Amino acid sequence: MRIMISADMEGATGVTWTGDVVPGTEQWLRFRRLFTADVNACVYGLLAGGAEQVLVNEAHSSQRNLLLEDLHESARLLTGRHKPLSMMQGIDSDVDGVVFLGYHTGAGSRGVLAHTYMENSITGVWLDGVLASEGRLNAALAAEHGVPVLLVTGDDLTCEDAASYAASAWTVAVKECVSRYAAVCLPPAVTSSQITEAATAAMATAGRSAGVVEPHRIEVEFDASHLAEAAAIVPTVDLIGVRRVGFDAASMTEAMKAFKVVTHIAGAAIEGIYG
């Protein structure tokens, strides 16, 4: 059994605000350790449940946040940016299950540090007409490769969201959302135990099936008109509203690659404090 962990940071134990996850800050240095501890707890559980190999794909910001020197010795770490499938790099390498660790809710939803790819300029993303978090987008990509989502960790609202796109996945709420920048947090000793237990149990649902490749539509709404206009320069991307673009793709893999291009171009169009 080969399992992949897609590890994001906003949903890690104790994380509640910007400084916790922005590389270079004092708080980030602290939460790198807690983030790594969450990953290790998951690796322990997966191995106890029968996993033979675990690939950890760094999925947050610079994608260089986890501490390799503290990582479980049985795991392998995929770190660094500019990966074709970004948060889901490795899903096409014959893995038997994927864990969404440290995930969060999407743009336009309540949740600790809620966003979808861009931290504060996207107000909503829709996949085939359904408001989509990063988890929903990534689960659709996993399904295209026949890979089940085994476990999702994050705040309580992230776990509720996961139930709508990966009904059979186990969930662990490491904190309870109070606002976008506040949460009731469980201590690491408690969350580590819960993550390990859930990962062990979730291995019972591991195992690839036949993937299904089908067309998808993604729509993205921004908080300013010029961002949508910038994104609409991309071939196949249409301006469908003052602040909204949409595009169709023949597969989820192609849809996610196009979405990555849209967010990069929109991000480059942001000008100072006016956005």
Foldseek 3Di string as FASTA:
>chain_A
DEEEELAEALFFFPHFDDQCADPPHPNVVVSLVRSQLLVQLLVLQQVLQPHQAYEYFQQYDQQPRHDPVPHDPRYHYDGGDDALLRSCPPLQVPGFAYEHESFWADALDWTAQHYAPDSAWWRFKDKQRHTDHPVLLVQQVSLQFQHAYAEYEGAPVVVVVCCVRRVNHHYDHQWHDPGNRDTHGDDSVVSSVVSSNSSSVSSVVTGGDNHDFAKMKMKIFTPAQVLLVQLCVDPQWHNPDSGMIMGMDGGSSVVSSSVVVSVVRSVVPDDPPVD
